[in-house]
């Protein structure tokens, strides 16, 4: 069946109002509509996916102007997809010596099936020796099988009338009976892998191989030479792995395994794998560098910790502390990769390190590194002049601008503007290391409105860098006792009426 099915909805003609609204929903209360169609016909075609639906029609009553609804009907669209076979995999082979393995059959479910019939035959067309097994679920396990090729298929048992049974595709698997089994296949450590001595000293050097239920025991050998004349380690295990606890010296080694059946029959040794034991590896941190600083004011959301790939795989534990000795672990995070993104909640000085761990055992530990999370910078705080201050310059020969000290500021930039109807005009810009600045050149000033802006600066790689946000304040300058400038024509002599001139002064002129 396709993903959607074309469904025809039909109803009788509504005489009083031919305009009909069709509603389709997965909810009987029609809270979520899958389709809503306005039509003047007596039918509508919709494409719907498999599922359960409810549908109804409505029309507006010409007298009451309200909608009149039909009865609600239920519709079920059932998917009739062919059954898909899962296991055993097509073309797979199972080998045994004494005990035939249990074969697990599984396949996809069918919504139209009340049960299933499994058929197995040595012939592809199922013409001979067909064995049938019934199951109400989509899986079954069988133990008594025939060696050789086994073809299998699934036939559904329909749960509804007028539905034909569905047949799955045919797949095949093989059962092979041998006198001697193949040796186990080594899986880990990988060929030429480097293993730190710490793994052997702490009993975490794991050797793993492919399992087989025919084997009751396994024998492993580790040698310093490929001919296995110098056996460094030998052991047996009832499982398909062993943890080597013997301390091995640095150098190259070879290892192999063999399987032993319940009747004592041994396989040949497996193919060789080689590995090397190295001195205790040190985890090398990459980023961030030691004594790195991070400024929250720059919008940093977190820090990406990273370290070099270790020779030995495993999980890594990133630890955060406020002391170099890690007396108190503030936080720890585990990852299987070689990096971790971490978000600090507050500023401060921290130390971080990485451990390679297994079963809560520390195998490798990096050296610690120091980082500083700088506190988010607040904006500068002006002290004087305050916003909207009025300054009377009648008896002053300077103006002093002052502000609060900022711990991380290396300098400050002050700008003074004169405000008029035409906008702002800058009359001063200067840098200072102090928390105050005195303007003595009063020729730059006049009566009127002014504003001043303060920026805090830090030094980054020898360059001035603004920190925080600039702050501004407005102020007004007045001269309450200002002497009015007069012209000679403005002077009127009232007394005396007669004016005398010094003759000597006149002759000198």
Protein backbone atom coordinates (compact mmCIF):
# COMPACT_ATOMS: atom_id res chain seq x y z
CA UNK A 1 0.00 0.00 0.00
CA UNK A 2 1.17 3.52 -0.73
CA UNK A 3 1.88 6.07 1.99
CA UNK A 4 -1.51 7.65 1.29
CA UNK A 5 -4.78 6.18 0.07
CA UNK A 6 -7.42 7.97 -2.02
CA UNK A 7 -10.71 7.87 -0.09
CA UNK A 8 -14.11 8.95 -1.51
CA UNK A 9 -16.56 10.60 0.90
CA UNK A 10 -20.20 10.78 -0.28
CA UNK A 11 -23.48 12.06 1.16
CA UNK A 12 -27.03 12.90 0.13
CA UNK A 13 -27.79 16.32 -1.29
CA UNK A 14 -28.85 18.94 1.25
CA UNK A 15 -31.89 20.65 -0.22
CA UNK A 16 -32.10 23.68 2.04
CA UNK A 17 -28.45 24.68 1.49
CA UNK A 18 -26.29 22.92 -1.11
CA UNK A 19 -23.04 24.39 0.27
CA UNK A 20 -21.55 21.69 2.53
CA UNK A 21 -18.46 21.62 4.79
CA UNK A 22 -16.64 18.27 5.04
CA UNK A 23 -14.47 17.77 8.16
CA UNK A 24 -12.06 14.85 8.76
CA UNK A 25 -10.16 14.40 12.03
CA UNK A 26 -8.28 11.79 14.03
CA UNK A 27 -10.19 13.03 17.08
CA UNK A 28 -13.89 12.23 17.65
CA UNK A 29 -14.22 15.75 19.09
CA UNK A 30 -12.72 17.19 15.87
CA UNK A 31 -10.17 19.21 17.84
CA UNK A 32 -7.46 18.59 15.22
CA UNK A 33 -8.69 18.62 11.65
CA UNK A 34 -6.81 16.62 9.04
CA UNK A 35 -8.96 18.06 6.28
CA UNK A 36 -11.70 20.67 5.86
CA UNK A 37 -13.33 21.20 2.47
CA UNK A 38 -16.14 23.52 1.31
CA UNK A 39 -18.08 22.07 -1.60
CA UNK A 40 -21.44 22.28 -3.38
CA UNK A 41 -21.22 18.68 -4.60
CA UNK A 42 -22.32 15.50 -2.86
CA UNK A 43 -18.86 13.97 -2.62
CA UNK A 44 -15.18 14.70 -2.03
CA UNK A 45 -11.97 12.72 -2.58
CA UNK A 46 -9.13 12.96 -0.03
CA UNK A 47 -5.70 11.33 0.27
CA UNK A 48 -5.15 9.98 3.79
CA UNK A 49 -2.45 7.93 5.48
CA UNK A 50 -3.11 4.75 7.41
CA UNK A 51 -4.92 5.37 10.70
CA UNK A 52 -8.32 5.88 12.34
CA UNK A 53 -10.38 8.90 11.30
CA UNK A 54 -13.75 10.51 12.08
CA UNK A 55 -15.74 12.49 9.53
CA UNK A 56 -18.89 14.57 9.31
CA UNK A 57 -20.56 17.21 7.15
CA UNK A 58 -22.24 20.46 8.14
CA UNK A 59 -24.29 23.18 6.47
CA UNK A 60 -25.57 26.55 7.62
CA UNK A 61 -29.27 26.65 8.45
CA UNK A 62 -30.78 29.53 6.41
CA UNK A 63 -33.30 30.29 9.17
CA UNK A 64 -31.17 30.15 12.34
CA UNK A 65 -27.87 30.99 10.60
CA UNK A 66 -26.27 28.27 12.75
CA UNK A 67 -24.47 25.18 11.45
CA UNK A 68 -26.32 21.88 11.45
CA UNK A 69 -24.06 18.80 11.73
CA UNK A 70 -24.56 15.27 10.48
CA UNK A 71 -23.81 12.17 12.52
CA UNK A 72 -20.10 11.35 13.03
CA UNK A 73 -18.76 8.29 11.28
CA UNK A 74 -15.56 6.35 11.93
CA UNK A 75 -13.13 5.29 9.21
CA UNK A 76 -10.10 2.97 9.58
CA UNK A 77 -7.39 2.90 6.92
CA UNK A 78 -5.16 -0.13 7.44
CA UNK A 79 -1.69 -0.52 5.97
CA UNK A 80 -1.26 -3.77 4.06
CA UNK A 81 2.53 -3.65 3.61
CA UNK A 82 4.34 -6.93 2.83
CA UNK A 83 6.09 -8.62 5.74
CA UNK A 84 9.84 -7.96 5.83
CA UNK A 85 12.23 -10.67 7.06
CA UNK A 86 14.83 -9.59 9.64
CA UNK A 87 16.76 -12.61 10.95
CA UNK A 88 18.50 -14.84 10.25
CA UNK A 89 20.16 -12.61 7.68
CA UNK A 90 19.86 -13.71 4.09
CA UNK A 91 22.83 -15.91 3.14
CA UNK A 92 24.15 -16.17 6.71
CA UNK A 93 25.94 -19.32 7.90
CA UNK A 94 26.04 -20.99 11.32
CA UNK A 95 28.74 -23.59 11.99
CA UNK A 96 28.56 -26.18 14.77
CA UNK A 97 30.32 -29.37 15.88
CA UNK A 98 28.15 -31.10 18.47
CA UNK A 99 25.21 -28.90 19.42
CA UNK A 100 23.05 -27.36 16.77
CA UNK A 101 22.59 -23.65 17.53
CA UNK A 102 19.20 -22.12 18.28
CA UNK A 103 18.02 -20.09 15.29
CA UNK A 104 16.02 -16.95 16.07
CA UNK A 105 13.53 -15.93 13.38
CA UNK A 106 12.04 -12.42 13.35
CA UNK A 107 10.07 -10.32 10.86
CA UNK A 108 8.03 -7.14 10.67
CA UNK A 109 4.49 -6.93 12.07
CA UNK A 110 1.38 -6.70 9.92
CA UNK A 111 -1.64 -4.74 11.16
CA UNK A 112 -3.93 -7.07 9.17
CA UNK A 113 -2.57 -10.30 10.66
CA UNK A 114 -3.89 -12.20 13.66
CA UNK A 115 -0.99 -14.64 13.38
CA UNK A 116 1.82 -15.88 11.16
CA UNK A 117 2.97 -19.13 9.59
CA UNK A 118 6.71 -19.81 9.26
CA UNK A 119 7.65 -22.23 6.50
CA UNK A 120 11.12 -23.80 6.10
CA UNK A 121 12.25 -26.00 3.23
CA UNK A 122 15.52 -27.25 1.70
CA UNK A 123 14.15 -26.26 -1.73
CA UNK A 124 13.76 -22.68 -2.91
CA UNK A 125 10.29 -23.33 -4.38
CA UNK A 126 9.11 -25.07 -1.18
CA UNK A 127 8.31 -28.23 -3.15
CA UNK A 128 9.68 -30.72 -0.60
CA UNK A 129 10.11 -31.31 3.13
CA UNK A 130 8.27 -28.16 4.13
CA UNK A 131 8.07 -27.63 7.88
CA UNK A 132 5.48 -25.19 9.21
CA UNK A 133 5.36 -23.38 12.54
CA UNK A 134 2.60 -21.07 13.80
CA UNK A 135 3.23 -17.94 15.83
CA UNK A 136 1.00 -15.18 17.17
CA UNK A 137 3.97 -12.80 17.45
CA UNK A 138 6.50 -11.67 14.87
CA UNK A 139 9.30 -13.92 16.17
CA UNK A 140 10.02 -17.56 16.98
CA UNK A 141 13.12 -19.57 18.01
CA UNK A 142 13.85 -23.09 16.73
CA UNK A 143 16.53 -25.59 17.69
CA UNK A 144 15.97 -28.72 15.55
CA UNK A 145 16.99 -27.73 12.06
CA UNK A 146 18.42 -29.56 9.07
CA UNK A 147 22.05 -29.05 8.04
CA UNK A 148 22.57 -27.38 4.69
CA UNK A 149 20.46 -24.75 2.96
CA UNK A 150 17.26 -23.68 4.69
CA UNK A 151 14.83 -21.48 2.76
CA UNK A 152 12.19 -19.69 4.79
CA UNK A 153 9.22 -17.38 4.37
CA UNK A 154 6.32 -15.94 6.36
CA UNK A 155 2.62 -16.08 5.46
CA UNK A 156 0.15 -13.86 7.32
CA UNK A 157 -3.15 -15.04 8.77
CA UNK A 158 -5.67 -12.26 7.98
CA UNK A 159 -7.64 -10.84 10.89
CA UNK A 160 -10.43 -9.49 8.64
CA UNK A 161 -12.62 -11.22 6.05
CA UNK A 162 -12.08 -10.63 2.34
CA UNK A 163 -8.35 -10.03 2.89
CA UNK A 164 -5.90 -12.39 1.23
CA UNK A 165 -2.86 -13.79 3.08
CA UNK A 166 0.40 -12.00 2.38
CA UNK A 167 3.61 -13.88 1.53
CA UNK A 168 7.00 -12.48 2.42
CA UNK A 169 10.03 -12.74 0.13
CA UNK A 170 12.06 -15.96 0.44
CA UNK A 171 15.42 -15.92 2.22
CA UNK A 172 18.02 -18.59 2.91
CA UNK A 173 20.49 -19.43 5.69
CA UNK A 174 22.93 -22.31 6.05
CA UNK A 175 23.77 -24.73 8.84
CA UNK A 176 27.13 -26.47 8.58
CA UNK A 177 28.23 -29.39 10.74
CA UNK A 178 31.99 -29.74 11.08
CA UNK A 179 34.26 -32.08 12.96
CA UNK A 180 36.44 -29.19 14.13
CA UNK A 181 35.39 -25.59 14.48
CA UNK A 182 37.29 -22.64 13.11
CA UNK A 183 39.39 -20.84 15.72
CA UNK A 184 37.94 -17.73 17.36
CA UNK A 185 38.56 -14.38 15.68
CA UNK A 186 40.53 -11.80 17.74
CA UNK A 187 38.71 -8.49 18.12
CA UNK A 188 40.64 -6.32 20.54
CA UNK A 189 43.11 -4.81 21.11
CA UNK A 190 43.42 -3.81 17.48
CA UNK A 191 46.48 -4.82 15.54
CA UNK A 192 49.53 -2.66 16.34
CA UNK A 193 47.67 -0.86 19.12
CA UNK A 194 49.69 0.88 21.83
CA UNK A 195 48.71 0.14 25.44
CA UNK A 196 50.03 2.05 28.43
CA UNK A 197 51.60 0.07 31.29
CA UNK A 198 49.01 1.63 33.58
CA UNK A 199 46.29 -0.53 32.01
CA UNK A 200 48.10 -3.73 32.99
CA UNK A 201 49.07 -2.44 36.44
CA UNK A 202 45.44 -1.55 37.22
CA UNK A 203 43.94 -4.66 35.63
CA UNK A 204 42.23 -2.86 32.78
CA UNK A 205 43.97 -4.42 29.78
CA UNK A 206 41.06 -6.16 28.05
CA UNK A 207 41.53 -8.81 25.34
CA UNK A 208 38.39 -9.72 23.40
CA UNK A 209 37.48 -12.24 20.68
CA UNK A 210 34.42 -13.46 18.79
CA UNK A 211 32.15 -15.72 20.83
CA UNK A 212 30.74 -19.12 19.79
CA UNK A 213 28.30 -21.17 21.92
CA UNK A 214 30.10 -24.33 20.76
CA UNK A 215 33.11 -23.33 22.83
CA UNK A 216 33.08 -23.94 26.56
CA UNK A 217 36.51 -22.47 27.18
CA UNK A 218 39.11 -20.35 25.45
CA UNK A 219 42.88 -20.29 25.76
CA UNK A 220 44.89 -17.10 25.26
CA UNK A 221 48.65 -16.72 24.88
CA UNK A 222 50.82 -13.59 24.82
CA UNK A 223 54.42 -13.83 23.66
CA UNK A 224 57.36 -11.54 22.97
CA UNK A 225 58.03 -13.32 19.66
CA UNK A 226 55.74 -14.40 16.78
CA UNK A 227 56.80 -18.06 17.18
CA UNK A 228 55.57 -18.06 20.79
CA UNK A 229 58.81 -19.47 22.16
CA UNK A 230 58.81 -16.92 25.00
CA UNK A 231 55.32 -16.96 26.53
CA UNK A 232 54.81 -13.85 28.66
CA UNK A 233 51.22 -14.65 29.63
CA UNK A 234 48.86 -17.62 29.30
CA UNK A 235 45.36 -18.17 30.67
CA UNK A 236 42.00 -19.82 30.02
CA UNK A 237 38.55 -18.23 30.19
CA UNK A 238 34.98 -19.46 29.99
CA UNK A 239 34.00 -16.14 28.40
CA UNK A 240 35.05 -14.48 25.18
CA UNK A 241 37.35 -12.02 26.94
CA UNK A 242 40.02 -11.84 29.59
CA UNK A 243 41.50 -8.98 31.60
CA UNK A 244 45.27 -9.28 31.80
CA UNK A 245 46.47 -8.19 35.24
CA UNK A 246 50.10 -9.25 34.85
CA UNK A 247 52.48 -6.33 34.50
CA UNK A 248 54.19 -6.47 31.12
CA UNK A 249 57.37 -4.59 30.35
CA UNK A 250 57.65 -2.09 27.55
CA UNK A 251 58.03 -3.60 24.10
CA UNK A 252 56.21 -5.42 21.30
CA UNK A 253 54.01 -8.46 21.94
CA UNK A 254 51.96 -11.02 20.00
CA UNK A 255 48.75 -12.73 21.10
CA UNK A 256 46.50 -15.54 19.89
CA UNK A 257 43.59 -17.66 21.11
CA UNK A 258 42.01 -21.08 20.55
CA UNK A 259 38.57 -22.50 21.35
CA UNK A 260 37.88 -25.67 23.37
CA UNK A 261 34.55 -27.51 22.94
CA UNK A 262 32.63 -29.35 25.67
CA UNK A 263 34.16 -32.69 24.62
CA UNK A 264 37.67 -31.26 24.96
CA UNK A 265 38.37 -30.77 21.27
CA UNK A 266 40.63 -27.81 20.58
CA UNK A 267 40.74 -25.64 17.51
CA UNK A 268 43.89 -24.39 15.91
CA UNK A 269 45.24 -21.11 17.26
CA UNK A 270 43.80 -18.00 15.71
CA UNK A 271 45.72 -15.63 13.50
CA UNK A 272 48.28 -13.47 15.31
CA UNK A 273 47.65 -9.98 16.58
CA UNK A 274 50.39 -7.66 17.75
CA UNK A 275 50.43 -4.79 20.24
CA UNK A 276 53.03 -2.75 22.09
CA UNK A 277 53.29 -1.80 25.75
CA UNK A 278 54.42 1.78 26.30
CA UNK A 279 55.42 3.76 29.36
CA UNK A 280 52.59 5.40 31.21
CA UNK A 281 51.14 7.79 28.71
CA UNK A 282 50.39 11.35 29.71
CA UNK A 283 47.25 12.97 28.48
CA UNK A 284 48.25 16.16 26.69
CA UNK A 285 45.85 19.07 26.91
CA UNK A 286 45.34 21.26 23.85
CA UNK A 287 42.94 24.11 24.57
CA UNK A 288 42.60 26.43 26.32
CA UNK A 289 46.22 27.31 27.10
CA UNK A 290 47.47 27.52 30.66
CA UNK A 291 46.56 30.83 32.37
CA UNK A 292 44.10 31.70 29.62
CA UNK A 293 41.58 34.44 30.42
CA UNK A 294 37.99 34.61 29.20
CA UNK A 295 35.93 37.77 29.32
CA UNK A 296 32.22 37.32 29.98
CA UNK A 297 31.70 40.85 28.63
CA UNK A 298 32.56 39.63 25.13
CA UNK A 299 29.48 37.40 24.97
CA UNK A 300 31.34 34.14 25.63
CA UNK A 301 28.80 31.41 26.37
CA UNK A 302 31.26 28.68 27.32
CA UNK A 303 34.70 27.17 26.83
CA UNK A 304 35.71 24.34 24.50
CA UNK A 305 38.14 22.03 26.32
CA UNK A 306 40.18 19.71 24.09
CA UNK A 307 43.05 17.24 24.43
CA UNK A 308 45.15 14.97 22.23
CA UNK A 309 43.89 11.57 21.17
CA UNK A 310 45.13 8.84 23.50
CA UNK A 311 46.60 5.55 22.27
CA UNK A 312 44.07 3.68 24.37
CA UNK A 313 40.36 4.22 23.81
CA UNK A 314 38.03 4.82 26.71
CA UNK A 315 35.92 7.45 28.41
CA UNK A 316 37.37 10.74 29.58
CA UNK A 317 36.52 12.65 32.73
CA UNK A 318 36.96 16.44 32.71
CA UNK A 319 37.30 17.84 36.23
CA UNK A 320 36.95 21.48 37.35
CA UNK A 321 38.39 22.71 40.66
CA UNK A 322 39.28 25.96 42.39
CA UNK A 323 42.63 24.57 43.59
CA UNK A 324 45.64 23.26 41.69
CA UNK A 325 45.72 20.17 43.92
CA UNK A 326 42.03 19.46 43.17
CA UNK A 327 41.16 19.13 46.86
CA UNK A 328 37.57 19.99 45.96
CA UNK A 329 36.01 19.00 42.64
CA UNK A 330 33.52 21.69 41.68
CA UNK A 331 32.21 19.76 38.69
CA UNK A 332 33.05 16.81 36.44
CA UNK A 333 31.78 15.74 33.03
CA UNK A 334 32.26 12.47 31.11
CA UNK A 335 32.71 12.16 27.36
CA UNK A 336 33.84 9.52 24.89
CA UNK A 337 35.35 12.13 22.57
CA UNK A 338 38.38 14.38 22.76
CA UNK A 339 36.67 17.67 23.52
CA UNK A 340 33.99 19.06 25.81
CA UNK A 341 32.04 22.32 25.79
CA UNK A 342 31.61 23.71 29.30
CA UNK A 343 29.67 26.73 30.54
CA UNK A 344 30.86 28.50 33.72
CA UNK A 345 28.15 30.02 35.89
CA UNK A 346 30.28 32.69 37.53
CA UNK A 347 33.64 34.41 37.28
CA UNK A 348 36.73 33.29 39.16
CA UNK A 349 40.00 31.37 38.89
CA UNK A 350 39.71 27.68 38.03
CA UNK A 351 41.84 24.63 37.26
CA UNK A 352 40.94 21.85 34.85
CA UNK A 353 42.35 18.44 33.99
CA UNK A 354 41.36 15.30 32.07
CA UNK A 355 41.40 11.65 33.14
CA UNK A 356 41.08 8.47 31.12
CA UNK A 357 38.86 6.25 33.25
CA UNK A 358 37.33 2.79 33.18
CA UNK A 359 34.97 1.39 35.80
CA UNK A 360 35.72 4.40 38.05
CA UNK A 361 39.46 3.63 37.87
CA UNK A 362 41.82 6.43 36.83
CA UNK A 363 44.14 5.12 34.13
CA UNK A 364 45.74 8.31 32.79
CA UNK A 365 45.72 11.85 34.21
CA UNK A 366 46.78 15.06 32.53
CA UNK A 367 48.64 17.91 34.18
CA UNK A 368 46.30 20.66 35.44
CA UNK A 369 45.85 23.98 33.68
CA UNK A 370 44.74 27.32 35.05
CA UNK A 371 42.04 29.52 33.53
CA UNK A 372 40.43 32.76 34.64
CA UNK A 373 36.85 33.70 33.99
CA UNK A 374 36.77 37.49 34.18
CA UNK A 375 33.77 39.16 35.72
CA UNK A 376 31.41 40.85 33.34
CA UNK A 377 32.37 44.51 33.11
CA UNK A 378 29.84 47.03 34.33
CA UNK A 379 29.46 50.38 32.64
CA UNK A 380 31.42 53.43 33.90
CA UNK A 381 29.70 55.41 36.67
CA UNK A 382 29.97 59.23 36.35
CA UNK A 383 30.21 61.26 39.57
CA UNK A 384 30.40 64.86 38.40
CA UNK A 385 28.88 66.64 36.60
CA UNK A 386 25.76 64.59 37.16
CA UNK A 387 23.05 64.31 34.58
CA UNK A 388 21.17 67.61 34.17
CA UNK A 389 23.56 69.51 36.47
CA UNK A 390 23.67 73.33 36.11
CA UNK A 391 27.18 74.77 36.52
CA UNK A 392 27.65 78.47 37.26
CA UNK A 393 31.05 79.47 35.82
CA UNK A 394 30.95 83.09 37.07
CA UNK A 395 33.67 82.48 39.67
CA UNK A 396 35.34 79.34 38.20
CA UNK A 397 38.31 78.96 35.92
CA UNK A 398 37.93 75.20 35.24
CA UNK A 399 35.52 72.25 35.19
CA UNK A 400 36.44 68.89 36.74
CA UNK A 401 34.88 65.68 35.43
CA UNK A 402 35.07 62.67 37.77
CA UNK A 403 33.89 59.03 37.86
CA UNK A 404 34.20 55.83 39.85
CA UNK A 405 37.27 53.62 39.40
CA UNK A 406 36.89 50.40 37.37
CA UNK A 407 39.18 47.52 38.36
CA UNK A 408 39.86 46.27 34.84
CA UNK A 409 40.17 49.66 33.18
CA UNK A 410 43.68 50.79 32.19
CA UNK A 411 42.57 54.19 30.91
CA UNK A 412 39.50 56.30 30.22
CA UNK A 413 38.41 58.34 27.21
CA UNK A 414 36.41 61.51 27.87
CA UNK A 415 34.50 63.40 25.20
CA UNK A 416 32.69 66.73 25.68
CA UNK A 417 30.02 67.98 23.25
CA UNK A 418 28.20 71.28 22.88
CA UNK A 419 24.52 70.86 22.11
CA UNK A 420 22.54 73.21 19.90
CA UNK A 421 19.59 73.16 17.56
CA UNK A 422 21.95 72.00 14.82
CA UNK A 423 23.01 68.94 16.81
CA UNK A 424 26.14 68.09 18.79
CA UNK A 425 29.61 69.50 18.21
CA UNK A 426 32.60 67.84 19.85
CA UNK A 427 34.82 70.30 21.66
CA UNK A 428 37.08 67.90 23.57
CA UNK A 429 38.36 64.32 23.40
CA UNK A 430 41.22 63.06 25.55
CA UNK A 431 42.55 59.97 27.40
CA UNK A 432 43.54 59.77 31.05
CA UNK A 433 44.68 57.11 33.51
CA UNK A 434 43.05 58.95 36.38
CA UNK A 435 39.44 58.91 37.55
CA UNK A 436 39.07 62.66 36.97
CA UNK A 437 39.81 65.17 34.26
CA UNK A 438 40.05 68.98 34.63
CA UNK A 439 39.18 71.20 31.69
CA UNK A 440 40.99 74.55 32.08
CA UNK A 441 40.71 75.93 28.57
CA UNK A 442 37.45 77.79 29.07
CA UNK A 443 37.62 79.29 25.60
CA UNK A 444 36.04 76.03 24.47
CA UNK A 445 32.99 76.74 26.63
CA UNK A 446 30.12 79.18 26.47
CA UNK A 447 26.73 79.49 28.07
CA UNK A 448 24.42 76.72 26.95
CA UNK A 449 23.86 72.99 26.98
CA UNK A 450 26.63 70.38 26.96
CA UNK A 451 27.08 66.64 27.37
CA UNK A 452 30.03 64.45 28.23
CA UNK A 453 30.69 60.79 27.41
CA UNK A 454 33.00 58.40 29.25
CA UNK A 455 34.54 55.18 27.87
CA UNK A 456 36.63 52.66 29.83
CA UNK A 457 39.60 51.05 28.06
CA UNK A 458 41.73 47.95 28.54
CA UNK A 459 44.91 46.84 26.77
CA UNK A 460 44.70 43.79 24.48
CA UNK A 461 47.91 42.74 22.70
CA UNK A 462 49.29 46.24 23.06
CA UNK A 463 46.20 47.86 21.59
CA UNK A 464 43.62 49.99 23.38
CA UNK A 465 40.31 48.20 23.60
CA UNK A 466 37.07 49.66 24.88
CA UNK A 467 35.29 47.67 27.59
CA UNK A 468 31.77 48.05 28.84
CA UNK A 469 29.33 50.53 27.34
CA UNK A 470 29.93 54.28 27.12
CA UNK A 471 27.86 56.47 29.46
CA UNK A 472 26.74 60.05 28.88
CA UNK A 473 25.50 62.90 31.06
CA UNK A 474 24.04 66.28 30.15
CA UNK A 475 24.89 69.55 31.91
CA UNK A 476 24.25 73.27 31.44
CA UNK A 477 26.70 76.20 31.86
CA UNK A 478 25.48 79.60 33.08
CA UNK A 479 27.15 82.94 34.02
CA UNK A 480 24.91 84.67 36.56
CA UNK A 481 27.29 87.68 37.19
CA UNK A 482 28.54 88.11 33.67
CA UNK A 483 29.45 91.70 32.72
CA UNK A 484 27.70 92.73 29.57
CA UNK A 485 30.02 93.59 26.71
CA UNK A 486 29.47 97.25 25.59
CA UNK A 487 30.47 99.33 22.59
CA UNK A 488 31.71 103.01 22.70
CA UNK A 489 28.46 104.11 21.11
CA UNK A 490 26.63 102.61 24.06
CA UNK A 491 28.35 105.10 26.48
CA UNK A 492 26.47 108.30 27.37
CA UNK A 493 28.31 110.98 29.49
CA UNK A 494 25.92 112.61 31.89
CA UNK A 495 28.27 114.89 33.90
CA UNK A 496 30.13 117.22 33.64
CA UNK A 497 28.71 118.95 30.59
CA UNK A 498 32.07 120.70 29.92
CA UNK A 499 34.96 118.40 28.96
CA UNK A 500 38.61 119.32 29.54
CA UNK A 501 41.55 118.09 27.51
CA UNK A 502 45.15 117.95 28.77
CA UNK A 503 47.15 120.20 26.39
CA UNK A 504 50.42 118.43 27.10
CA UNK A 505 48.85 115.12 26.23
CA UNK A 506 47.35 116.69 23.12
CA UNK A 507 50.73 118.16 22.00
CA UNK A 508 52.36 114.77 22.56
CA UNK A 509 49.84 113.23 20.25
